[in-house]
Amino acid sequence: MFGVTTSDDYRPVAWMGRYPIDVTTLLVGVHVGLLVLTCFLYAFGFAGFLEPLIFRSTDVLTIGRVWQIATYAFVHLPYSAGALLWFVIEMYMLFAFGREVERFIGRRGFIALYSLLLLVPTLVLTAVGFLAPFAFAGSGTLHLGVFVAFACIYPNVEMFMLRIQTKWIAIILVAIGTLFAMAVHDWATMIVLWTTVAVAFLYIRSRGAGPELAWLSRIREIVRPRPKLRIVQKPTARPSTERDDVYASIDPILDKISKSGIGSLTAQERRQLDRARNRLLNEPK
């Protein structure tokens, strides 16, 4: 099942001995390296350097810190041991499932998907930020989107020892995130979560994979331009075979007339010539 690719763009970025280094592996290395750097900044009292990198809609809209739309996902705040444990799970999800998504849609396709999952949620938060201020940091929801993309490609694959299909695991994770965000009134997480799910699902659908939705197919049928009707006249069959037979039957008679004149024809040849002429005259035009 795994290892399927629909793109001719699936090539490793580099090789480390016999092991290929793909985009997913590089992303895992970047995130792990930044987490270690963040821990050192916290340890030596330089955590303030991370503040300009955390997404805040007011900073983007008022003082022009537009880079926060992308840098928020690379800020991993080590505020508890549980956060570090979730980071380990998150990196596993990115490495295990991101490689399969990258293999399926190709390197450029995966970079495009990751970029959309990175930018679109905070762009939505920025737009909604005109109504209320929002702040967001971390890459947990982003990498959940990578798993949702994997579940869209392989919805019926059974994972883990519980033998639960990936589509149900994705639904459970999204439901848990939604309920938690509702309980603590974390509307920024709610917006980012559902925007991420929508981006992952629609992007995989645009690549020709993902579950078939009857309502989406009906909408496509409605909005699809209908072909213009054109009346095509039914061609009439020409009795070409019969006509060829007629000409073949009178060719010897015509040759005789050209050589010896019509007076040289016998009574039988005259009757044959008359029958052929009448058949040609009575043919439909």
C-alpha atoms as a PDB file:
ATOM      1  CA  MET A   1       0.000   0.000   0.000  1.00  0.00           C
ATOM      2  CA  PHE A   2       2.633   2.527   1.069  1.00  0.00           C
ATOM      3  CA  GLY A   3       5.370   3.723  -1.241  1.00  0.00           C
ATOM      4  CA  VAL A   4       2.912   4.656  -4.006  1.00  0.00           C
ATOM      5  CA  THR A   5       3.724   7.750  -6.010  1.00  0.00           C
ATOM      6  CA  THR A   6       1.645   9.565  -8.613  1.00  0.00           C
ATOM      7  CA  SER A   7       4.337  12.094  -9.459  1.00  0.00           C
ATOM      8  CA  ASP A   8       7.596  11.939 -11.410  1.00  0.00           C
ATOM      9  CA  ASP A   9       8.944  14.613  -9.045  1.00  0.00           C
ATOM     10  CA  TYR A  10       9.635  12.269  -6.135  1.00  0.00           C
ATOM     11  CA  ARG A  11      13.416  12.518  -5.721  1.00  0.00           C
ATOM     12  CA  PRO A  12      15.478  12.874  -2.530  1.00  0.00           C
ATOM     13  CA  VAL A  13      17.032  16.254  -1.877  1.00  0.00           C
ATOM     14  CA  ALA A  14      20.308  14.588  -0.911  1.00  0.00           C
ATOM     15  CA  TRP A  15      21.774  11.283   0.234  1.00  0.00           C
ATOM     16  CA  MET A  16      23.493  10.424   3.505  1.00  0.00           C
ATOM     17  CA  GLY A  17      25.344   7.291   2.554  1.00  0.00           C
ATOM     18  CA  ARG A  18      22.639   4.867   1.413  1.00  0.00           C
ATOM     19  CA  TYR A  19      19.827   6.776   3.098  1.00  0.00           C
ATOM     20  CA  PRO A  20      17.812   9.346   1.118  1.00  0.00           C
ATOM     21  CA  ILE A  21      17.192  12.765   2.639  1.00  0.00           C
ATOM     22  CA  ASP A  22      13.828  14.096   1.522  1.00  0.00           C
ATOM     23  CA  VAL A  23      11.990  17.331   2.321  1.00  0.00           C
ATOM     24  CA  THR A  24      10.188  15.736   5.263  1.00  0.00           C
ATOM     25  CA  THR A  25      13.470  14.653   6.864  1.00  0.00           C
ATOM     26  CA  LEU A  26      14.885  18.155   6.483  1.00  0.00           C
ATOM     27  CA  LEU A  27      11.780  19.650   8.124  1.00  0.00           C
ATOM     28  CA  VAL A  28      12.079  17.281  11.079  1.00  0.00           C
ATOM     29  CA  GLY A  29      15.734  18.264  11.478  1.00  0.00           C
ATOM     30  CA  VAL A  30      14.894  21.985  11.347  1.00  0.00           C
ATOM     31  CA  HIS A  31      12.139  21.695  13.969  1.00  0.00           C
ATOM     32  CA  VAL A  32      14.248  19.565  16.308  1.00  0.00           C
ATOM     33  CA  GLY A  33      17.190  21.935  15.989  1.00  0.00           C
ATOM     34  CA  LEU A  34      15.005  24.958  16.747  1.00  0.00           C
ATOM     35  CA  LEU A  35      13.520  23.244  19.811  1.00  0.00           C
ATOM     36  CA  VAL A  36      17.005  22.597  21.184  1.00  0.00           C
ATOM     37  CA  LEU A  37      17.954  26.225  20.484  1.00  0.00           C
ATOM     38  CA  THR A  38      14.794  27.427  22.221  1.00  0.00           C
ATOM     39  CA  CYS A  39      15.606  25.367  25.309  1.00  0.00           C
ATOM     40  CA  PHE A  40      19.044  26.998  25.494  1.00  0.00           C
ATOM     41  CA  LEU A  41      17.508  30.471  25.086  1.00  0.00           C
ATOM     42  CA  TYR A  42      15.147  29.764  27.977  1.00  0.00           C
ATOM     43  CA  ALA A  43      17.959  28.317  30.086  1.00  0.00           C
ATOM     44  CA  PHE A  44      20.189  31.390  29.703  1.00  0.00           C
ATOM     45  CA  GLY A  45      17.434  34.005  29.951  1.00  0.00           C
ATOM     46  CA  PHE A  46      17.168  34.995  26.290  1.00  0.00           C
ATOM     47  CA  ALA A  47      13.590  33.850  25.690  1.00  0.00           C
ATOM     48  CA  GLY A  48      12.667  37.414  24.782  1.00  0.00           C
ATOM     49  CA  PHE A  49      14.273  36.896  21.374  1.00  0.00           C
ATOM     50  CA  LEU A  50      11.339  34.610  20.490  1.00  0.00           C
ATOM     51  CA  GLU A  51       8.628  37.205  21.104  1.00  0.00           C
ATOM     52  CA  PRO A  52       8.854  38.893  17.661  1.00  0.00           C
ATOM     53  CA  LEU A  53       8.447  35.462  16.009  1.00  0.00           C
ATOM     54  CA  ILE A  54       5.153  34.485  17.672  1.00  0.00           C
ATOM     55  CA  PHE A  55       2.079  35.309  15.586  1.00  0.00           C
ATOM     56  CA  ARG A  56      -0.041  38.170  16.876  1.00  0.00           C
ATOM     57  CA  SER A  57      -2.660  39.650  14.606  1.00  0.00           C
ATOM     58  CA  THR A  58      -2.195  43.103  16.145  1.00  0.00           C
ATOM     59  CA  ASP A  59       1.556  43.037  15.361  1.00  0.00           C
ATOM     60  CA  VAL A  60       0.883  42.052  11.752  1.00  0.00           C
ATOM     61  CA  LEU A  61      -1.842  44.644  11.225  1.00  0.00           C
ATOM     62  CA  THR A  62      -0.418  47.587  13.152  1.00  0.00           C
ATOM     63  CA  ILE A  63       3.383  47.425  13.082  1.00  0.00           C
ATOM     64  CA  GLY A  64       3.886  45.292   9.978  1.00  0.00           C
ATOM     65  CA  ARG A  65       5.481  42.143  11.402  1.00  0.00           C
ATOM     66  CA  VAL A  66       4.287  40.107   8.465  1.00  0.00           C
ATOM     67  CA  TRP A  67       6.949  37.437   8.986  1.00  0.00           C
ATOM     68  CA  GLN A  68       4.954  36.209  11.963  1.00  0.00           C
ATOM     69  CA  ILE A  69       2.513  34.654   9.505  1.00  0.00           C
ATOM     70  CA  ALA A  70       5.183  31.976   8.882  1.00  0.00           C
ATOM     71  CA  THR A  71       7.613  32.068  11.834  1.00  0.00           C
ATOM     72  CA  TYR A  72       5.014  31.113  14.457  1.00  0.00           C
ATOM     73  CA  ALA A  73       5.272  27.424  13.485  1.00  0.00           C
ATOM     74  CA  PHE A  74       9.011  27.319  14.260  1.00  0.00           C
ATOM     75  CA  VAL A  75       8.607  28.615  17.814  1.00  0.00           C
ATOM     76  CA  HIS A  76       8.432  25.615  20.148  1.00  0.00           C
ATOM     77  CA  LEU A  77       7.875  26.821  23.696  1.00  0.00           C
ATOM     78  CA  PRO A  78       9.162  24.291  26.305  1.00  0.00           C
ATOM     79  CA  TYR A  79       6.682  25.335  28.980  1.00  0.00           C
ATOM     80  CA  SER A  80       6.176  21.790  30.341  1.00  0.00           C
ATOM     81  CA  ALA A  81       7.341  18.201  30.028  1.00  0.00           C
ATOM     82  CA  GLY A  82       4.017  17.383  28.383  1.00  0.00           C
ATOM     83  CA  ALA A  83       4.744  19.931  25.670  1.00  0.00           C
ATOM     84  CA  LEU A  84       8.068  18.246  24.921  1.00  0.00           C
ATOM     85  CA  LEU A  85       6.375  14.832  24.842  1.00  0.00           C
ATOM     86  CA  TRP A  86       3.749  16.116  22.385  1.00  0.00           C
ATOM     87  CA  PHE A  87       6.586  17.561  20.289  1.00  0.00           C
ATOM     88  CA  VAL A  88       8.135  14.075  20.035  1.00  0.00           C
ATOM     89  CA  ILE A  89       4.774  12.639  18.896  1.00  0.00           C
ATOM     90  CA  GLU A  90       4.370  15.509  16.472  1.00  0.00           C
ATOM     91  CA  MET A  91       7.782  14.871  14.891  1.00  0.00           C
ATOM     92  CA  TYR A  92       6.936  11.185  14.563  1.00  0.00           C
ATOM     93  CA  MET A  93       3.713  12.057  12.746  1.00  0.00           C
ATOM     94  CA  LEU A  94       5.577  14.414  10.441  1.00  0.00           C
ATOM     95  CA  PHE A  95       8.336  11.903   9.664  1.00  0.00           C
ATOM     96  CA  ALA A  96       6.189   8.786   9.321  1.00  0.00           C
ATOM     97  CA  PHE A  97       3.213  10.229   7.464  1.00  0.00           C
ATOM     98  CA  GLY A  98       4.824  13.235   5.789  1.00  0.00           C
ATOM     99  CA  ARG A  99       7.213  10.995   3.864  1.00  0.00           C
ATOM    100  CA  GLU A 100       4.295   8.991   2.483  1.00  0.00           C
ATOM    101  CA  VAL A 101       2.451  12.145   1.467  1.00  0.00           C
ATOM    102  CA  GLU A 102       5.611  13.498  -0.156  1.00  0.00           C
ATOM    103  CA  ARG A 103       6.141  10.213  -1.991  1.00  0.00           C
ATOM    104  CA  PHE A 104       2.548  10.247  -3.242  1.00  0.00           C
ATOM    105  CA  ILE A 105       2.305  13.856  -4.497  1.00  0.00           C
ATOM    106  CA  GLY A 106       5.975  14.528  -5.219  1.00  0.00           C
ATOM    107  CA  ARG A 107       8.501  16.934  -3.759  1.00  0.00           C
ATOM    108  CA  ARG A 108       7.089  20.135  -5.255  1.00  0.00           C
ATOM    109  CA  GLY A 109       3.557  19.095  -4.365  1.00  0.00           C
ATOM    110  CA  PHE A 110       4.554  18.419  -0.764  1.00  0.00           C
ATOM    111  CA  ILE A 111       6.345  21.777  -0.472  1.00  0.00           C
ATOM    112  CA  ALA A 112       3.212  23.475  -1.800  1.00  0.00           C
ATOM    113  CA  LEU A 113       1.017  21.583   0.681  1.00  0.00           C
ATOM    114  CA  TYR A 114       3.305  22.394   3.620  1.00  0.00           C
ATOM    115  CA  SER A 115       3.424  26.068   2.602  1.00  0.00           C
ATOM    116  CA  LEU A 116      -0.370  26.259   2.417  1.00  0.00           C
ATOM    117  CA  LEU A 117      -0.748  24.552   5.804  1.00  0.00           C
ATOM    118  CA  LEU A 118       1.787  27.014   7.204  1.00  0.00           C
ATOM    119  CA  LEU A 119       0.400  30.260   5.770  1.00  0.00           C
ATOM    120  CA  VAL A 120      -3.334  29.951   5.158  1.00  0.00           C
ATOM    121  CA  PRO A 121      -4.434  29.507   8.825  1.00  0.00           C
ATOM    122  CA  THR A 122      -2.566  32.613  10.024  1.00  0.00           C
ATOM    123  CA  LEU A 123      -3.750  34.577   7.008  1.00  0.00           C
ATOM    124  CA  VAL A 124      -7.284  33.732   8.084  1.00  0.00           C
ATOM    125  CA  LEU A 125      -6.435  34.773  11.654  1.00  0.00           C
ATOM    126  CA  THR A 126      -5.045  38.040  10.302  1.00  0.00           C
ATOM    127  CA  ALA A 127      -8.264  38.722   8.412  1.00  0.00           C
ATOM    128  CA  VAL A 128     -10.367  37.888  11.462  1.00  0.00           C
ATOM    129  CA  GLY A 129      -7.976  40.002  13.531  1.00  0.00           C
ATOM    130  CA  PHE A 130      -9.845  43.114  12.426  1.00  0.00           C
ATOM    131  CA  LEU A 131     -12.652  41.910  14.708  1.00  0.00           C
ATOM    132  CA  ALA A 132     -10.614  40.581  17.639  1.00  0.00           C
ATOM    133  CA  PRO A 133      -6.897  40.116  18.448  1.00  0.00           C
ATOM    134  CA  PHE A 134      -5.443  36.620  18.103  1.00  0.00           C
ATOM    135  CA  ALA A 135      -2.109  35.021  18.973  1.00  0.00           C
ATOM    136  CA  PHE A 136      -0.733  31.634  17.984  1.00  0.00           C
ATOM    137  CA  ALA A 137       2.542  29.661  18.151  1.00  0.00           C
ATOM    138  CA  GLY A 138       3.721  26.133  17.555  1.00  0.00           C
ATOM    139  CA  SER A 139       3.467  23.593  14.757  1.00  0.00           C
ATOM    140  CA  GLY A 140       1.172  20.973  16.280  1.00  0.00           C
ATOM    141  CA  THR A 141      -1.843  21.868  14.162  1.00  0.00           C
ATOM    142  CA  LEU A 142       0.317  22.226  11.050  1.00  0.00           C
ATOM    143  CA  HIS A 143       1.622  18.682  11.373  1.00  0.00           C
ATOM    144  CA  LEU A 144      -1.824  17.394  12.237  1.00  0.00           C
ATOM    145  CA  GLY A 145      -2.735  18.742   8.797  1.00  0.00           C
ATOM    146  CA  VAL A 146      -0.009  16.549   7.284  1.00  0.00           C
ATOM    147  CA  PHE A 147      -1.609  13.526   8.957  1.00  0.00           C
ATOM    148  CA  VAL A 148      -5.044  14.587   7.681  1.00  0.00           C
ATOM    149  CA  ALA A 149      -3.556  14.704   4.174  1.00  0.00           C
ATOM    150  CA  PHE A 150      -2.209  11.172   4.701  1.00  0.00           C
ATOM    151  CA  ALA A 151      -5.629  10.013   5.920  1.00  0.00           C
ATOM    152  CA  CYS A 152      -7.231  11.506   2.799  1.00  0.00           C
ATOM    153  CA  ILE A 153      -4.827   9.536   0.579  1.00  0.00           C
ATOM    154  CA  TYR A 154      -5.064   6.276   2.551  1.00  0.00           C
ATOM    155  CA  PRO A 155      -8.385   6.537   4.440  1.00  0.00           C
ATOM    156  CA  ASN A 156      -8.881   2.808   5.008  1.00  0.00           C
ATOM    157  CA  VAL A 157      -5.395   1.877   6.165  1.00  0.00           C
ATOM    158  CA  GLU A 158      -5.470   0.391   9.672  1.00  0.00           C
ATOM    159  CA  MET A 159      -2.940   1.906  12.035  1.00  0.00           C
ATOM    160  CA  PHE A 160      -1.414   0.822  15.342  1.00  0.00           C
ATOM    161  CA  MET A 161      -2.378  -2.272  17.305  1.00  0.00           C
ATOM    162  CA  LEU A 162      -5.979  -1.132  17.705  1.00  0.00           C
ATOM    163  CA  ARG A 163      -6.511  -1.608  13.955  1.00  0.00           C
ATOM    164  CA  ILE A 164      -8.322   1.702  13.562  1.00  0.00           C
ATOM    165  CA  GLN A 165      -8.548   3.158  10.092  1.00  0.00           C
ATOM    166  CA  THR A 166      -6.662   6.399   9.539  1.00  0.00           C
ATOM    167  CA  LYS A 167      -9.803   8.325   8.617  1.00  0.00           C
ATOM    168  CA  TRP A 168     -11.277   7.599  12.060  1.00  0.00           C
ATOM    169  CA  ILE A 169      -8.030   8.513  13.809  1.00  0.00           C
ATOM    170  CA  ALA A 170      -8.017  11.852  11.971  1.00  0.00           C
ATOM    171  CA  ILE A 171     -11.653  12.487  12.886  1.00  0.00           C
ATOM    172  CA  ILE A 172     -10.970  11.639  16.548  1.00  0.00           C
ATOM    173  CA  LEU A 173      -7.949  13.966  16.738  1.00  0.00           C
ATOM    174  CA  VAL A 174      -9.835  16.824  15.113  1.00  0.00           C
ATOM    175  CA  ALA A 175     -12.806  16.252  17.423  1.00  0.00           C
ATOM    176  CA  ILE A 176     -10.565  16.294  20.507  1.00  0.00           C
ATOM    177  CA  GLY A 177      -8.889  19.505  19.380  1.00  0.00           C
ATOM    178  CA  THR A 178     -12.250  21.106  18.665  1.00  0.00           C
ATOM    179  CA  LEU A 179     -13.756  20.169  22.029  1.00  0.00           C
ATOM    180  CA  PHE A 180     -10.686  21.387  23.910  1.00  0.00           C
ATOM    181  CA  ALA A 181     -10.655  24.712  22.055  1.00  0.00           C
ATOM    182  CA  MET A 182     -14.359  25.177  22.778  1.00  0.00           C
ATOM    183  CA  ALA A 183     -13.925  24.338  26.462  1.00  0.00           C
ATOM    184  CA  VAL A 184     -11.191  26.927  27.032  1.00  0.00           C
ATOM    185  CA  HIS A 185     -12.584  29.459  24.534  1.00  0.00           C
ATOM    186  CA  ASP A 186      -9.399  29.238  22.458  1.00  0.00           C
ATOM    187  CA  TRP A 187     -10.932  30.508  19.231  1.00  0.00           C
ATOM    188  CA  ALA A 188      -7.561  31.036  17.573  1.00  0.00           C
ATOM    189  CA  THR A 189      -6.815  27.306  17.858  1.00  0.00           C
ATOM    190  CA  MET A 190     -10.323  26.517  16.612  1.00  0.00           C
ATOM    191  CA  ILE A 191      -9.884  28.674  13.508  1.00  0.00           C
ATOM    192  CA  VAL A 192      -6.401  27.332  12.794  1.00  0.00           C
ATOM    193  CA  LEU A 193      -7.521  23.723  13.303  1.00  0.00           C
ATOM    194  CA  TRP A 194     -10.465  23.800  10.927  1.00  0.00           C
ATOM    195  CA  THR A 195      -8.648  25.927   8.358  1.00  0.00           C
ATOM    196  CA  THR A 196      -5.804  23.389   8.406  1.00  0.00           C
ATOM    197  CA  VAL A 197      -8.191  20.457   7.934  1.00  0.00           C
ATOM    198  CA  ALA A 198      -9.924  22.214   5.035  1.00  0.00           C
ATOM    199  CA  VAL A 199      -6.620  23.063   3.325  1.00  0.00           C
ATOM    200  CA  ALA A 200      -5.280  19.508   3.670  1.00  0.00           C
ATOM    201  CA  PHE A 201      -8.494  17.919   2.416  1.00  0.00           C
ATOM    202  CA  LEU A 202      -9.023  20.271  -0.527  1.00  0.00           C
ATOM    203  CA  TYR A 203      -5.393  20.112  -1.633  1.00  0.00           C
ATOM    204  CA  ILE A 204      -5.351  16.313  -1.703  1.00  0.00           C
ATOM    205  CA  ARG A 205      -8.687  16.337  -3.530  1.00  0.00           C
ATOM    206  CA  SER A 206      -7.207  18.715  -6.099  1.00  0.00           C
ATOM    207  CA  ARG A 207      -4.447  16.162  -6.704  1.00  0.00           C
ATOM    208  CA  GLY A 208      -7.018  13.522  -7.630  1.00  0.00           C
ATOM    209  CA  ALA A 209      -6.955  11.599  -4.336  1.00  0.00           C
ATOM    210  CA  GLY A 210      -9.096  11.566  -1.230  1.00  0.00           C
ATOM    211  CA  PRO A 211     -12.599  10.245  -0.513  1.00  0.00           C
ATOM    212  CA  GLU A 212     -15.351  10.822  -3.051  1.00  0.00           C
ATOM    213  CA  LEU A 213     -18.079  13.135  -1.780  1.00  0.00           C
ATOM    214  CA  ALA A 214     -21.500  12.875  -3.393  1.00  0.00           C
ATOM    215  CA  TRP A 215     -22.461  16.466  -2.518  1.00  0.00           C
ATOM    216  CA  LEU A 216     -19.220  17.793  -3.997  1.00  0.00           C
ATOM    217  CA  SER A 217     -19.821  15.850  -7.204  1.00  0.00           C
ATOM    218  CA  ARG A 218     -23.349  17.313  -7.452  1.00  0.00           C
ATOM    219  CA  ILE A 219     -21.997  20.848  -7.013  1.00  0.00           C
ATOM    220  CA  ARG A 220     -19.467  20.208  -9.787  1.00  0.00           C
ATOM    221  CA  GLU A 221     -22.241  18.988 -12.062  1.00  0.00           C
ATOM    222  CA  ILE A 222     -24.261  22.149 -11.360  1.00  0.00           C
ATOM    223  CA  VAL A 223     -21.457  24.645 -11.949  1.00  0.00           C
ATOM    224  CA  ARG A 224     -19.911  22.793 -14.874  1.00  0.00           C
ATOM    225  CA  PRO A 225     -20.780  24.531 -18.183  1.00  0.00           C
ATOM    226  CA  ARG A 226     -23.134  22.446 -20.239  1.00  0.00           C
ATOM    227  CA  PRO A 227     -22.170  21.668 -23.831  1.00  0.00           C
ATOM    228  CA  LYS A 228     -24.073  23.497 -26.542  1.00  0.00           C
ATOM    229  CA  LEU A 229     -26.501  21.319 -28.472  1.00  0.00           C
ATOM    230  CA  ARG A 230     -25.962  21.053 -32.189  1.00  0.00           C
ATOM    231  CA  ILE A 231     -28.268  19.384 -34.656  1.00  0.00           C
ATOM    232  CA  VAL A 232     -26.391  17.002 -36.877  1.00  0.00           C
ATOM    233  CA  GLN A 233     -28.172  15.728 -39.942  1.00  0.00           C
ATOM    234  CA  LYS A 234     -28.201  12.010 -40.290  1.00  0.00           C
ATOM    235  CA  PRO A 235     -26.077  11.066 -43.264  1.00  0.00           C
ATOM    236  CA  THR A 236     -27.887   9.130 -45.955  1.00  0.00           C
ATOM    237  CA  ALA A 237     -26.300   5.923 -46.983  1.00  0.00           C
ATOM    238  CA  ARG A 238     -25.115   6.026 -50.526  1.00  0.00           C
ATOM    239  CA  PRO A 239     -25.539   2.794 -52.393  1.00  0.00           C
ATOM    240  CA  SER A 240     -21.970   2.932 -53.579  1.00  0.00           C
ATOM    241  CA  THR A 241     -21.621  -0.840 -53.699  1.00  0.00           C
ATOM    242  CA  GLU A 242     -24.734  -1.251 -55.803  1.00  0.00           C
ATOM    243  CA  ARG A 243     -23.671   1.551 -58.139  1.00  0.00           C
ATOM    244  CA  ASP A 244     -20.251  -0.013 -58.602  1.00  0.00           C
ATOM    245  CA  ASP A 245     -21.936  -3.307 -59.508  1.00  0.00           C
ATOM    246  CA  VAL A 246     -24.059  -1.551 -62.125  1.00  0.00           C
ATOM    247  CA  TYR A 247     -21.051   0.108 -63.743  1.00  0.00           C
ATOM    248  CA  ALA A 248     -19.106  -3.143 -63.689  1.00  0.00           C
ATOM    249  CA  SER A 249     -21.930  -4.964 -65.463  1.00  0.00           C
ATOM    250  CA  ILE A 250     -22.175  -2.481 -68.335  1.00  0.00           C
ATOM    251  CA  ASP A 251     -18.480  -1.696 -68.783  1.00  0.00           C
ATOM    252  CA  PRO A 252     -18.037  -4.391 -71.471  1.00  0.00           C
ATOM    253  CA  ILE A 253     -21.099  -3.099 -73.295  1.00  0.00           C
ATOM    254  CA  LEU A 254     -19.795   0.479 -73.250  1.00  0.00           C
ATOM    255  CA  ASP A 255     -16.428  -0.726 -74.561  1.00  0.00           C
ATOM    256  CA  LYS A 256     -18.195  -2.502 -77.416  1.00  0.00           C
ATOM    257  CA  ILE A 257     -20.162   0.652 -78.278  1.00  0.00           C
ATOM    258  CA  SER A 258     -16.987   2.746 -78.346  1.00  0.00           C
ATOM    259  CA  LYS A 259     -15.307   0.293 -80.693  1.00  0.00           C
ATOM    260  CA  SER A 260     -18.101  -0.867 -83.016  1.00  0.00           C
ATOM    261  CA  GLY A 261     -21.003   1.514 -82.412  1.00  0.00           C
ATOM    262  CA  ILE A 262     -24.382   0.987 -80.768  1.00  0.00           C
ATOM    263  CA  GLY A 263     -25.622  -0.937 -83.783  1.00  0.00           C
ATOM    264  CA  SER A 264     -23.317  -3.794 -82.936  1.00  0.00           C
ATOM    265  CA  LEU A 265     -25.216  -4.578 -79.695  1.00  0.00           C
ATOM    266  CA  THR A 266     -27.393  -7.646 -79.516  1.00  0.00           C
ATOM    267  CA  ALA A 267     -30.983  -7.551 -78.238  1.00  0.00           C
ATOM    268  CA  GLN A 268     -29.891  -8.986 -74.894  1.00  0.00           C
ATOM    269  CA  GLU A 269     -27.110  -6.376 -74.557  1.00  0.00           C
ATOM    270  CA  ARG A 270     -29.602  -3.573 -75.334  1.00  0.00           C
ATOM    271  CA  ARG A 271     -31.989  -4.843 -72.655  1.00  0.00           C
ATOM    272  CA  GLN A 272     -29.083  -5.044 -70.131  1.00  0.00           C
ATOM    273  CA  LEU A 273     -28.021  -1.493 -70.985  1.00  0.00           C
ATOM    274  CA  ASP A 274     -31.593  -0.193 -70.543  1.00  0.00           C
ATOM    275  CA  ARG A 275     -31.987  -1.916 -67.184  1.00  0.00           C
ATOM    276  CA  ALA A 276     -28.722  -0.411 -65.927  1.00  0.00           C
ATOM    277  CA  ARG A 277     -29.742   3.067 -67.089  1.00  0.00           C
ATOM    278  CA  ASN A 278     -33.108   2.804 -65.335  1.00  0.00           C
ATOM    279  CA  ARG A 279     -31.493   1.675 -62.100  1.00  0.00           C
ATOM    280  CA  LEU A 280     -29.110   4.633 -62.131  1.00  0.00           C
ATOM    281  CA  LEU A 281     -31.910   7.080 -62.880  1.00  0.00           C
ATOM    282  CA  ASN A 282     -34.109   5.738 -60.056  1.00  0.00           C
ATOM    283  CA  GLU A 283     -31.392   5.922 -57.372  1.00  0.00           C
ATOM    284  CA  PRO A 284     -32.061   8.443 -54.520  1.00  0.00           C
ATOM    285  CA  LYS A 285     -29.911  11.542 -54.813  1.00  0.00           C
END
